[in-house]
Amino acid sequence: MEQVRETMKAPILDVATPVKDDASTTPSTRSGGSRSLSGDAASPQSGSDDAVRRLAFADVDLEARTELGTSLAESVGPGTLKERVYWESFLVNMSMFCGYAALFGLQHEVKSKMGIDDNDVQASRAFGVACSFLYIFNLIFRFSHNIVFCFMGPKARAYVAMASMMASMLAIVVPIFVFESRHLGWVMCAYAFGGVAIGTFE
């Protein structure tokens, strides 16, 4: 009776019987099974023994660029694929900004050549207004060159800017210094062309 009471007091538990590993299973067999499981998870072919590579987008991009570079190098031949340096652009920038600097540095020389005295307040003020055309047209063409020269590409716009700077320098040299003209319109024209050149070029 005491044994029956002990049995009735004890809780009834459904304990699962642990599954024992088969002793005949070798480490190589178990590792092979793990590889097949990983292979099943990575690829639809469960029985495949090939190694599965998981590629990220960066890896695919790197491989594509490597293959493209190799095929391009093979097509053009060894030693011919070189990066070109456009050193001529230095001359373009130098000429443009030398002209820009000349428009600042030659202001007093142009004023003296036109016979305007520093004590003449009215004439000096008019000359200052003519020189301010450089800043006015620079401001206008810094954003409006996309509208005025919308039919041109960047290279053609650079040519227009260089031609405008050339016209600006010629408007100072030829009429004022060569023919000694004292008309203030030449100064306005020269500095307006300079503003167009710098606003379009930059």
N, C-alpha and C. Protein backbone atom coordinates (compact mmCIF):
# COMPACT_ATOMS: atom_id res chain seq x y z
N MET A 1 0.83 -1.20 0.00
CA MET A 1 0.00 0.00 0.00
C MET A 1 0.87 1.26 0.00
N GLU A 2 1.92 1.22 0.78
CA GLU A 2 2.80 2.39 0.83
C GLU A 2 3.43 2.67 -0.54
N GLN A 3 3.73 1.60 -1.28
CA GLN A 3 4.31 1.78 -2.62
C GLN A 3 3.30 2.39 -3.57
N VAL A 4 2.05 2.02 -3.45
CA VAL A 4 1.00 2.58 -4.30
C VAL A 4 0.81 4.05 -3.98
N ARG A 5 0.85 4.41 -2.67
CA ARG A 5 0.71 5.81 -2.30
C ARG A 5 1.87 6.65 -2.85
N GLU A 6 3.07 6.08 -2.79
CA GLU A 6 4.23 6.82 -3.33
C GLU A 6 4.05 7.07 -4.83
N THR A 7 3.51 6.07 -5.50
CA THR A 7 3.31 6.20 -6.94
C THR A 7 2.26 7.24 -7.27
N MET A 8 1.19 7.31 -6.45
CA MET A 8 0.13 8.28 -6.68
C MET A 8 0.59 9.72 -6.38
N LYS A 9 1.47 9.89 -5.42
CA LYS A 9 1.96 11.23 -5.09
C LYS A 9 2.90 11.77 -6.18
N ALA A 10 3.65 10.93 -6.82
CA ALA A 10 4.62 11.38 -7.82
C ALA A 10 3.91 11.92 -9.06
N PRO A 11 4.33 13.07 -9.63
CA PRO A 11 3.68 13.63 -10.85
C PRO A 11 3.99 12.79 -12.06
N ILE A 12 3.03 12.74 -12.92
CA ILE A 12 3.18 11.96 -14.14
C ILE A 12 3.78 12.86 -15.20
N LEU A 13 4.98 12.59 -15.66
CA LEU A 13 5.71 13.39 -16.64
C LEU A 13 5.94 12.57 -17.89
N ASP A 14 5.73 13.23 -19.03
CA ASP A 14 6.00 12.59 -20.31
C ASP A 14 7.38 13.01 -20.79
N VAL A 15 8.35 12.24 -20.46
CA VAL A 15 9.74 12.56 -20.77
C VAL A 15 10.12 11.87 -22.06
N ALA A 16 10.65 12.68 -22.99
CA ALA A 16 11.08 12.11 -24.26
C ALA A 16 12.39 11.37 -24.08
N THR A 17 12.47 10.25 -24.71
CA THR A 17 13.68 9.45 -24.63
C THR A 17 14.75 10.07 -25.49
N PRO A 18 15.92 10.39 -24.94
CA PRO A 18 16.98 11.00 -25.76
C PRO A 18 17.47 10.07 -26.84
N VAL A 19 17.75 10.67 -27.98
CA VAL A 19 18.22 9.87 -29.11
C VAL A 19 19.73 9.81 -29.04
N LYS A 20 20.23 8.64 -29.04
CA LYS A 20 21.67 8.44 -28.94
C LYS A 20 22.26 8.41 -30.34
N ASP A 21 23.48 8.95 -30.40
CA ASP A 21 24.18 8.92 -31.68
C ASP A 21 24.62 7.51 -32.00
N ASP A 22 24.57 7.23 -33.27
CA ASP A 22 25.02 5.92 -33.70
C ASP A 22 26.52 5.82 -33.56
N ALA A 23 26.96 4.79 -32.97
CA ALA A 23 28.40 4.62 -32.73
C ALA A 23 29.16 4.41 -34.02
N SER A 24 28.45 3.93 -35.01
CA SER A 24 29.14 3.66 -36.27
C SER A 24 29.33 4.90 -37.12
N THR A 25 28.74 6.03 -36.66
CA THR A 25 28.87 7.27 -37.44
C THR A 25 30.24 7.87 -37.20
N THR A 26 30.98 8.07 -38.23
CA THR A 26 32.34 8.60 -38.13
C THR A 26 32.31 10.10 -38.24
N PRO A 27 33.38 10.81 -37.81
CA PRO A 27 33.41 12.28 -37.94
C PRO A 27 33.29 12.75 -39.37
N SER A 28 33.90 11.99 -40.29
CA SER A 28 33.83 12.41 -41.69
C SER A 28 32.41 12.33 -42.20
N THR A 29 31.65 11.30 -41.75
CA THR A 29 30.27 11.16 -42.18
C THR A 29 29.43 12.29 -41.63
N ARG A 30 29.68 12.65 -40.35
CA ARG A 30 28.92 13.75 -39.75
C ARG A 30 29.24 15.07 -40.43
N SER A 31 30.51 15.31 -40.71
CA SER A 31 30.87 16.56 -41.40
C SER A 31 30.27 16.59 -42.79
N GLY A 32 30.24 15.43 -43.46
CA GLY A 32 29.61 15.38 -44.77
C GLY A 32 28.15 15.69 -44.71
N GLY A 33 27.50 15.21 -43.63
CA GLY A 33 26.09 15.52 -43.46
C GLY A 33 25.85 16.99 -43.24
N SER A 34 26.74 17.63 -42.46
CA SER A 34 26.58 19.07 -42.24
C SER A 34 26.79 19.84 -43.52
N ARG A 35 27.74 19.39 -44.35
CA ARG A 35 27.95 20.07 -45.61
C ARG A 35 26.76 19.91 -46.53
N SER A 36 26.16 18.77 -46.52
CA SER A 36 25.00 18.57 -47.37
C SER A 36 23.83 19.40 -46.89
N LEU A 37 23.72 19.57 -45.56
CA LEU A 37 22.64 20.41 -45.05
C LEU A 37 22.84 21.86 -45.44
N SER A 38 24.09 22.35 -45.30
CA SER A 38 24.36 23.73 -45.69
C SER A 38 24.17 23.90 -47.19
N GLY A 39 24.54 22.86 -47.94
CA GLY A 39 24.33 22.93 -49.36
C GLY A 39 22.86 22.96 -49.72
N ASP A 40 22.04 22.20 -48.97
CA ASP A 40 20.60 22.23 -49.22
C ASP A 40 20.02 23.58 -48.92
N ALA A 41 20.57 24.26 -47.87
CA ALA A 41 20.03 25.57 -47.50
C ALA A 41 20.44 26.64 -48.48
N ALA A 42 21.63 26.47 -49.09
CA ALA A 42 22.14 27.53 -49.96
C ALA A 42 21.71 27.36 -51.40
N SER A 43 21.52 26.10 -51.85
CA SER A 43 21.18 25.87 -53.24
C SER A 43 20.02 24.89 -53.32
N PRO A 44 19.26 24.94 -54.44
CA PRO A 44 18.14 24.02 -54.55
C PRO A 44 18.56 22.58 -54.76
N GLN A 45 19.78 22.31 -55.22
CA GLN A 45 20.23 20.93 -55.41
C GLN A 45 20.82 20.42 -54.11
N SER A 46 20.09 19.53 -53.46
CA SER A 46 20.50 19.05 -52.14
C SER A 46 21.65 18.07 -52.23
N GLY A 47 21.76 17.33 -53.32
CA GLY A 47 22.78 16.30 -53.42
C GLY A 47 24.07 16.79 -54.02
N SER A 48 24.21 18.09 -54.25
CA SER A 48 25.41 18.62 -54.89
C SER A 48 26.56 18.68 -53.90
N ASP A 49 27.76 18.29 -54.37
CA ASP A 49 28.95 18.32 -53.53
C ASP A 49 29.81 19.57 -53.79
N ASP A 50 29.40 20.42 -54.74
CA ASP A 50 30.19 21.63 -55.05
C ASP A 50 30.04 22.64 -53.94
N ALA A 51 31.13 23.43 -53.76
CA ALA A 51 31.10 24.48 -52.74
C ALA A 51 30.25 25.65 -53.25
N VAL A 52 29.46 26.17 -52.36
CA VAL A 52 28.53 27.25 -52.72
C VAL A 52 29.11 28.56 -52.23
N ARG A 53 29.25 29.53 -53.15
CA ARG A 53 29.74 30.85 -52.78
C ARG A 53 28.56 31.79 -52.63
N ARG A 54 28.59 32.54 -51.57
CA ARG A 54 27.58 33.55 -51.36
C ARG A 54 28.21 34.91 -51.67
N LEU A 55 27.78 35.53 -52.76
CA LEU A 55 28.38 36.76 -53.23
C LEU A 55 27.50 37.94 -52.86
N ALA A 56 28.13 38.98 -52.37
CA ALA A 56 27.42 40.23 -52.13
C ALA A 56 27.47 41.07 -53.41
N PHE A 57 26.74 42.20 -53.40
CA PHE A 57 26.72 43.06 -54.58
C PHE A 57 28.10 43.66 -54.85
N ALA A 58 28.84 43.97 -53.78
CA ALA A 58 30.18 44.54 -53.95
C ALA A 58 31.13 43.54 -54.61
N ASP A 59 31.00 42.25 -54.23
CA ASP A 59 31.84 41.23 -54.83
C ASP A 59 31.52 41.07 -56.32
N VAL A 60 30.24 41.08 -56.65
CA VAL A 60 29.85 40.95 -58.05
C VAL A 60 30.35 42.13 -58.86
N ASP A 61 30.24 43.34 -58.28
CA ASP A 61 30.72 44.54 -58.97
C ASP A 61 32.22 44.49 -59.16
N LEU A 62 32.95 44.03 -58.14
CA LEU A 62 34.40 43.92 -58.25
C LEU A 62 34.80 42.92 -59.32
N GLU A 63 34.09 41.78 -59.36
CA GLU A 63 34.41 40.79 -60.38
C GLU A 63 34.11 41.31 -61.78
N ALA A 64 32.99 42.03 -61.91
CA ALA A 64 32.63 42.57 -63.22
C ALA A 64 33.66 43.58 -63.70
N ARG A 65 34.11 44.45 -62.77
CA ARG A 65 35.11 45.43 -63.17
C ARG A 65 36.44 44.78 -63.51
N THR A 66 36.80 43.74 -62.77
CA THR A 66 38.05 43.03 -63.05
C THR A 66 38.00 42.36 -64.42
N GLU A 67 36.87 41.69 -64.71
CA GLU A 67 36.73 41.04 -66.01
C GLU A 67 36.70 42.06 -67.14
N LEU A 68 36.04 43.21 -66.91
CA LEU A 68 35.99 44.25 -67.93
C LEU A 68 37.37 44.83 -68.20
N GLY A 69 38.12 45.10 -67.11
CA GLY A 69 39.47 45.63 -67.29
C GLY A 69 40.38 44.64 -67.99
N THR A 70 40.24 43.35 -67.67
CA THR A 70 41.07 42.33 -68.31
C THR A 70 40.76 42.21 -69.79
N SER A 71 39.45 42.19 -70.12
CA SER A 71 39.07 42.09 -71.53
C SER A 71 39.48 43.32 -72.31
N LEU A 72 39.39 44.50 -71.69
CA LEU A 72 39.80 45.73 -72.37
C LEU A 72 41.30 45.76 -72.59
N ALA A 73 42.05 45.35 -71.57
CA ALA A 73 43.51 45.31 -71.72
C ALA A 73 43.93 44.31 -72.80
N GLU A 74 43.21 43.17 -72.90
CA GLU A 74 43.53 42.18 -73.92
C GLU A 74 43.19 42.69 -75.32
N SER A 75 42.11 43.50 -75.42
CA SER A 75 41.69 43.98 -76.73
C SER A 75 42.62 45.06 -77.28
N VAL A 76 43.10 45.95 -76.40
CA VAL A 76 43.96 47.03 -76.87
C VAL A 76 45.43 46.65 -76.88
N GLY A 77 45.79 45.58 -76.19
CA GLY A 77 47.17 45.15 -76.20
C GLY A 77 47.91 45.62 -74.95
N PRO A 78 49.01 44.99 -74.62
CA PRO A 78 49.76 45.35 -73.42
C PRO A 78 50.48 46.68 -73.58
N GLY A 79 50.40 47.51 -72.53
CA GLY A 79 51.14 48.75 -72.50
C GLY A 79 50.50 49.92 -73.23
N THR A 80 49.33 49.70 -73.86
CA THR A 80 48.68 50.79 -74.60
C THR A 80 47.56 51.44 -73.82
N LEU A 81 47.10 50.83 -72.72
CA LEU A 81 46.02 51.39 -71.92
C LEU A 81 46.62 52.32 -70.88
N LYS A 82 46.63 53.63 -71.18
CA LYS A 82 47.22 54.62 -70.29
C LYS A 82 46.22 55.75 -70.05
N GLU A 83 46.35 56.37 -68.90
CA GLU A 83 45.49 57.49 -68.55
C GLU A 83 46.13 58.78 -69.07
N ARG A 84 45.37 59.51 -69.90
CA ARG A 84 45.91 60.72 -70.51
C ARG A 84 45.74 61.90 -69.57
N VAL A 85 46.75 62.75 -69.51
CA VAL A 85 46.72 63.99 -68.73
C VAL A 85 46.54 65.15 -69.70
N TYR A 86 45.47 65.90 -69.51
CA TYR A 86 45.18 67.03 -70.40
C TYR A 86 45.89 68.27 -69.85
N TRP A 87 47.17 68.39 -70.14
CA TRP A 87 47.96 69.51 -69.65
C TRP A 87 47.61 70.81 -70.36
N GLU A 88 46.94 70.73 -71.52
CA GLU A 88 46.57 71.94 -72.25
C GLU A 88 45.56 72.80 -71.49
N SER A 89 44.83 72.18 -70.56
CA SER A 89 43.83 72.95 -69.80
C SER A 89 44.50 74.03 -68.93
N PHE A 90 45.77 73.82 -68.58
CA PHE A 90 46.47 74.85 -67.80
C PHE A 90 46.60 76.14 -68.59
N LEU A 91 46.86 76.04 -69.88
CA LEU A 91 46.99 77.24 -70.72
C LEU A 91 45.66 77.97 -70.83
N VAL A 92 44.57 77.23 -70.89
CA VAL A 92 43.25 77.84 -70.99
C VAL A 92 42.94 78.63 -69.72
N ASN A 93 43.15 78.00 -68.57
CA ASN A 93 42.88 78.68 -67.30
C ASN A 93 43.81 79.86 -67.08
N MET A 94 45.08 79.71 -67.45
CA MET A 94 46.04 80.78 -67.23
C MET A 94 45.68 82.01 -68.06
N SER A 95 45.32 81.80 -69.33
CA SER A 95 44.99 82.94 -70.19
C SER A 95 43.73 83.65 -69.71
N MET A 96 42.74 82.89 -69.26
CA MET A 96 41.50 83.52 -68.80
C MET A 96 41.73 84.36 -67.55
N PHE A 97 42.44 83.81 -66.58
CA PHE A 97 42.61 84.54 -65.33
C PHE A 97 43.70 85.61 -65.42
N CYS A 98 44.59 85.51 -66.39
CA CYS A 98 45.52 86.62 -66.64
C CYS A 98 44.77 87.82 -67.20
N GLY A 99 43.82 87.56 -68.10
CA GLY A 99 42.99 88.64 -68.60
C GLY A 99 42.11 89.24 -67.51
N TYR A 100 41.61 88.38 -66.62
CA TYR A 100 40.79 88.86 -65.50
C TYR A 100 41.62 89.76 -64.59
N ALA A 101 42.86 89.37 -64.34
CA ALA A 101 43.74 90.18 -63.50
C ALA A 101 44.12 91.48 -64.19
N ALA A 102 44.26 91.45 -65.53
CA ALA A 102 44.62 92.68 -66.26
C ALA A 102 43.50 93.70 -66.19
N LEU A 103 42.26 93.24 -66.14
CA LEU A 103 41.14 94.18 -66.02
C LEU A 103 41.17 94.92 -64.69
N PHE A 104 41.72 94.30 -63.67
CA PHE A 104 41.88 94.99 -62.38
C PHE A 104 43.13 95.88 -62.38
N GLY A 105 44.24 95.34 -62.83
CA GLY A 105 45.51 96.05 -62.72
C GLY A 105 45.64 97.24 -63.65
N LEU A 106 44.90 97.22 -64.78
CA LEU A 106 45.04 98.29 -65.77
C LEU A 106 44.02 99.41 -65.60
N GLN A 107 43.28 99.39 -64.52
CA GLN A 107 42.22 100.41 -64.37
C GLN A 107 42.81 101.82 -64.31
N HIS A 108 43.84 101.99 -63.49
CA HIS A 108 44.41 103.35 -63.38
C HIS A 108 45.16 103.74 -64.65
N GLU A 109 45.78 102.77 -65.33
CA GLU A 109 46.47 103.07 -66.58
C GLU A 109 45.47 103.49 -67.65
N VAL A 110 44.35 102.82 -67.72
CA VAL A 110 43.32 103.18 -68.69
C VAL A 110 42.74 104.56 -68.36
N LYS A 111 42.55 104.79 -67.09
CA LYS A 111 42.01 106.09 -66.65
C LYS A 111 42.97 107.23 -67.01
N SER A 112 44.25 107.01 -66.81
CA SER A 112 45.24 108.04 -67.17
C SER A 112 45.34 108.22 -68.67
N LYS A 113 45.23 107.11 -69.42
CA LYS A 113 45.30 107.19 -70.88
C LYS A 113 44.11 107.95 -71.46
N MET A 114 42.98 107.88 -70.80
CA MET A 114 41.80 108.60 -71.26
C MET A 114 41.78 110.05 -70.78
N GLY A 115 42.79 110.46 -70.06
CA GLY A 115 42.90 111.85 -69.64
C GLY A 115 42.00 112.24 -68.49
N ILE A 116 41.66 111.28 -67.65
CA ILE A 116 40.79 111.56 -66.51
C ILE A 116 41.69 111.77 -65.29
N ASP A 117 41.60 112.94 -64.69
CA ASP A 117 42.41 113.26 -63.52
C ASP A 117 41.72 112.72 -62.27
N ASP A 118 42.55 112.38 -61.29
CA ASP A 118 41.98 111.87 -60.03
C ASP A 118 41.18 112.93 -59.28
N ASN A 119 41.49 114.18 -59.52
CA ASN A 119 40.77 115.26 -58.85
C ASN A 119 39.41 115.55 -59.51
N ASP A 120 39.21 115.04 -60.70
CA ASP A 120 37.93 115.22 -61.39
C ASP A 120 36.94 114.18 -60.86
N VAL A 121 36.13 114.60 -59.92
CA VAL A 121 35.23 113.66 -59.24
C VAL A 121 34.17 113.12 -60.17
N GLN A 122 33.60 114.00 -61.00
CA GLN A 122 32.52 113.57 -61.89
C GLN A 122 33.00 112.55 -62.91
N ALA A 123 34.14 112.81 -63.54
CA ALA A 123 34.68 111.88 -64.54
C ALA A 123 35.17 110.59 -63.89
N SER A 124 35.77 110.70 -62.70
CA SER A 124 36.22 109.49 -61.99
C SER A 124 35.05 108.60 -61.61
N ARG A 125 33.94 109.23 -61.24
CA ARG A 125 32.75 108.46 -60.88
C ARG A 125 32.18 107.75 -62.11
N ALA A 126 32.17 108.43 -63.23
CA ALA A 126 31.68 107.81 -64.47
C ALA A 126 32.60 106.66 -64.90
N PHE A 127 33.90 106.85 -64.72
CA PHE A 127 34.83 105.78 -65.05
C PHE A 127 34.64 104.57 -64.13
N GLY A 128 34.35 104.82 -62.86
CA GLY A 128 34.09 103.73 -61.93
C GLY A 128 32.83 102.95 -62.30
N VAL A 129 31.81 103.65 -62.79
CA VAL A 129 30.60 102.97 -63.25
C VAL A 129 30.90 102.10 -64.46
N ALA A 130 31.75 102.60 -65.37
CA ALA A 130 32.12 101.81 -66.55
C ALA A 130 32.90 100.56 -66.15
N CYS A 131 33.77 100.68 -65.16
CA CYS A 131 34.53 99.50 -64.69
C CYS A 131 33.65 98.50 -63.95
N SER A 132 32.56 98.97 -63.35
CA SER A 132 31.67 98.07 -62.62
C SER A 132 30.90 97.15 -63.54
N PHE A 133 30.95 97.38 -64.87
CA PHE A 133 30.31 96.46 -65.80
C PHE A 133 30.91 95.06 -65.73
N LEU A 134 32.16 95.00 -65.29
CA LEU A 134 32.80 93.69 -65.10
C LEU A 134 32.03 92.84 -64.09
N TYR A 135 31.66 93.43 -62.95
CA TYR A 135 30.95 92.69 -61.91
C TYR A 135 29.49 92.45 -62.28
N ILE A 136 28.89 93.45 -62.98
CA ILE A 136 27.48 93.31 -63.36
C ILE A 136 27.29 92.15 -64.33
N PHE A 137 28.10 92.10 -65.39
CA PHE A 137 27.95 91.04 -66.39
C PHE A 137 28.48 89.71 -65.88
N ASN A 138 29.42 89.74 -64.96
CA ASN A 138 29.85 88.51 -64.32
C ASN A 138 28.71 87.89 -63.53
N LEU A 139 27.99 88.71 -62.78
CA LEU A 139 26.84 88.21 -62.02
C LEU A 139 25.74 87.72 -62.94
N ILE A 140 25.47 88.44 -64.03
CA ILE A 140 24.38 88.05 -64.93
C ILE A 140 24.68 86.72 -65.61
N PHE A 141 25.88 86.60 -66.17
CA PHE A 141 26.21 85.41 -66.96
C PHE A 141 26.65 84.23 -66.10
N ARG A 142 26.80 84.41 -64.82
CA ARG A 142 27.13 83.26 -63.98
C ARG A 142 25.99 82.26 -63.93
N PHE A 143 24.75 82.73 -64.08
CA PHE A 143 23.62 81.79 -64.11
C PHE A 143 22.87 81.84 -65.44
N SER A 144 22.93 82.97 -66.17
CA SER A 144 22.15 83.07 -67.41
C SER A 144 22.88 82.49 -68.62
N HIS A 145 24.14 82.06 -68.46
CA HIS A 145 24.79 81.42 -69.61
C HIS A 145 24.13 80.08 -69.95
N ASN A 146 23.45 79.49 -68.97
CA ASN A 146 22.70 78.26 -69.26
C ASN A 146 21.47 78.53 -70.13
N ILE A 147 21.01 79.77 -70.14
CA ILE A 147 19.86 80.15 -70.97
C ILE A 147 20.32 80.70 -72.31
N VAL A 148 21.29 81.64 -72.27
CA VAL A 148 21.75 82.29 -73.50
C VAL A 148 22.47 81.29 -74.40
N PHE A 149 23.31 80.44 -73.80
CA PHE A 149 24.08 79.46 -74.57
C PHE A 149 23.56 78.04 -74.33
N CYS A 150 22.25 77.90 -74.26
CA CYS A 150 21.68 76.58 -73.97
C CYS A 150 21.89 75.59 -75.11
N PHE A 151 22.09 76.07 -76.31
CA PHE A 151 22.29 75.19 -77.47
C PHE A 151 23.73 74.75 -77.61
N MET A 152 24.61 75.21 -76.74
CA MET A 152 26.03 74.88 -76.82
C MET A 152 26.40 73.91 -75.71
N GLY A 153 27.43 73.13 -75.97
CA GLY A 153 27.98 72.25 -74.97
C GLY A 153 29.03 72.96 -74.13
N PRO A 154 29.61 72.26 -73.16
CA PRO A 154 30.64 72.88 -72.30
C PRO A 154 31.87 73.35 -73.07
N LYS A 155 32.28 72.59 -74.06
CA LYS A 155 33.47 72.97 -74.84
C LYS A 155 33.21 74.24 -75.64
N ALA A 156 32.04 74.34 -76.26
CA ALA A 156 31.70 75.53 -77.03
C ALA A 156 31.56 76.75 -76.13
N ARG A 157 31.04 76.56 -74.93
CA ARG A 157 30.92 77.68 -74.00
C ARG A 157 32.30 78.16 -73.54
N ALA A 158 33.23 77.24 -73.39
CA ALA A 158 34.59 77.65 -73.05
C ALA A 158 35.21 78.47 -74.18
N TYR A 159 34.92 78.09 -75.44
CA TYR A 159 35.40 78.88 -76.57
C TYR A 159 34.77 80.27 -76.58
N VAL A 160 33.48 80.37 -76.26
CA VAL A 160 32.80 81.67 -76.20
C VAL A 160 33.42 82.54 -75.11
N ALA A 161 33.73 81.94 -73.96
CA ALA A 161 34.35 82.69 -72.87
C ALA A 161 35.73 83.20 -73.27
N MET A 162 36.51 82.37 -73.95
CA MET A 162 37.84 82.80 -74.39
C MET A 162 37.75 83.90 -75.44
N ALA A 163 36.77 83.80 -76.34
CA ALA A 163 36.59 84.84 -77.35
C ALA A 163 36.15 86.16 -76.70
N SER A 164 35.32 86.07 -75.68
CA SER A 164 34.88 87.29 -74.98
C SER A 164 36.04 87.96 -74.26
N MET A 165 36.91 87.17 -73.65
CA MET A 165 38.08 87.76 -72.99
C MET A 165 39.03 88.38 -74.01
N MET A 166 39.15 87.75 -75.17
CA MET A 166 40.00 88.32 -76.22
C MET A 166 39.42 89.66 -76.71
N ALA A 167 38.09 89.71 -76.86
CA ALA A 167 37.45 90.96 -77.28
C ALA A 167 37.62 92.04 -76.22
N SER A 168 37.60 91.65 -74.95
CA SER A 168 37.80 92.61 -73.87
C SER A 168 39.20 93.21 -73.92
N MET A 169 40.20 92.37 -74.12
CA MET A 169 41.57 92.88 -74.19
C MET A 169 41.79 93.75 -75.43
N LEU A 170 41.19 93.36 -76.55
CA LEU A 170 41.34 94.14 -77.77
C LEU A 170 40.63 95.49 -77.67
N ALA A 171 39.51 95.53 -76.93
CA ALA A 171 38.79 96.79 -76.76
C ALA A 171 39.59 97.79 -75.93
N ILE A 172 40.48 97.30 -75.10
CA ILE A 172 41.34 98.20 -74.33
C ILE A 172 42.58 98.60 -75.12
N VAL A 173 43.19 97.63 -75.79
CA VAL A 173 44.47 97.87 -76.44
C VAL A 173 44.30 98.73 -77.70
N VAL A 174 43.41 98.31 -78.59
CA VAL A 174 43.35 98.96 -79.91
C VAL A 174 42.74 100.36 -79.85
N PRO A 175 41.51 100.55 -79.38
CA PRO A 175 40.96 101.91 -79.43
C PRO A 175 41.61 102.88 -78.45
N ILE A 176 41.91 102.41 -77.23
CA ILE A 176 42.35 103.34 -76.18
C ILE A 176 43.85 103.56 -76.24
N PHE A 177 44.65 102.49 -76.33
CA PHE A 177 46.10 102.65 -76.28
C PHE A 177 46.71 102.91 -77.66
N VAL A 178 46.14 102.36 -78.72
CA VAL A 178 46.71 102.56 -80.05
C VAL A 178 46.17 103.83 -80.70
N PHE A 179 44.83 103.94 -80.75
CA PHE A 179 44.22 105.11 -81.40
C PHE A 179 43.91 106.24 -80.43
N GLU A 180 44.19 106.02 -79.16
CA GLU A 180 44.05 107.05 -78.12
C GLU A 180 42.65 107.67 -78.09
N SER A 181 41.67 106.81 -78.16
CA SER A 181 40.29 107.27 -78.06
C SER A 181 39.95 107.53 -76.60
N ARG A 182 39.19 108.58 -76.35
CA ARG A 182 38.80 108.92 -74.98
C ARG A 182 37.30 108.72 -74.75
N HIS A 183 36.71 107.90 -75.57
CA HIS A 183 35.28 107.63 -75.42
C HIS A 183 35.09 106.59 -74.31
N LEU A 184 34.19 106.91 -73.37
CA LEU A 184 33.99 106.02 -72.22
C LEU A 184 33.28 104.72 -72.60
N GLY A 185 32.67 104.71 -73.77
CA GLY A 185 31.99 103.50 -74.22
C GLY A 185 32.92 102.32 -74.44
N TRP A 186 34.17 102.59 -74.81
CA TRP A 186 35.13 101.50 -74.98
C TRP A 186 35.45 100.82 -73.65
N VAL A 187 35.51 101.59 -72.60
CA VAL A 187 35.74 101.00 -71.27
C VAL A 187 34.56 100.13 -70.85
N MET A 188 33.35 100.63 -71.08
CA MET A 188 32.16 99.83 -70.76
C MET A 188 32.14 98.53 -71.56
N CYS A 189 32.46 98.65 -72.84
CA CYS A 189 32.46 97.46 -73.71
C CYS A 189 33.52 96.45 -73.26
N ALA A 190 34.71 96.94 -72.93
CA ALA A 190 35.80 96.04 -72.53
C ALA A 190 35.47 95.29 -71.24
N TYR A 191 34.97 96.03 -70.25
CA TYR A 191 34.69 95.38 -68.97
C TYR A 191 33.42 94.55 -69.01
N ALA A 192 32.49 94.87 -69.91
CA ALA A 192 31.31 94.03 -70.09
C ALA A 192 31.70 92.69 -70.71
N PHE A 193 32.56 92.72 -71.72
CA PHE A 193 33.05 91.46 -72.32
C PHE A 193 33.84 90.64 -71.30
N GLY A 194 34.59 91.31 -70.44
CA GLY A 194 35.31 90.58 -69.40
C GLY A 194 34.37 89.89 -68.42
N GLY A 195 33.28 90.57 -68.07
CA GLY A 195 32.30 89.94 -67.18
C GLY A 195 31.61 88.76 -67.83
N VAL A 196 31.29 88.87 -69.12
CA VAL A 196 30.70 87.75 -69.87
C VAL A 196 31.66 86.56 -69.90
N ALA A 197 32.94 86.86 -70.12
CA ALA A 197 33.95 85.79 -70.21
C ALA A 197 34.09 85.03 -68.89
N ILE A 198 34.24 85.76 -67.79
CA ILE A 198 34.46 85.10 -66.50
C ILE A 198 33.18 84.41 -66.01
N GLY A 199 32.03 85.06 -66.20
CA GLY A 199 30.78 84.44 -65.77
C GLY A 199 30.47 83.17 -66.52
N THR A 200 30.78 83.12 -67.82
CA THR A 200 30.53 81.92 -68.61
C THR A 200 31.58 80.85 -68.33
N PHE A 201 32.82 81.26 -68.15
CA PHE A 201 33.90 80.29 -67.96
C PHE A 201 33.81 79.59 -66.61
N GLU A 202 33.47 80.33 -65.58
CA GLU A 202 33.41 79.73 -64.25
C GLU A 202 32.12 78.97 -64.04
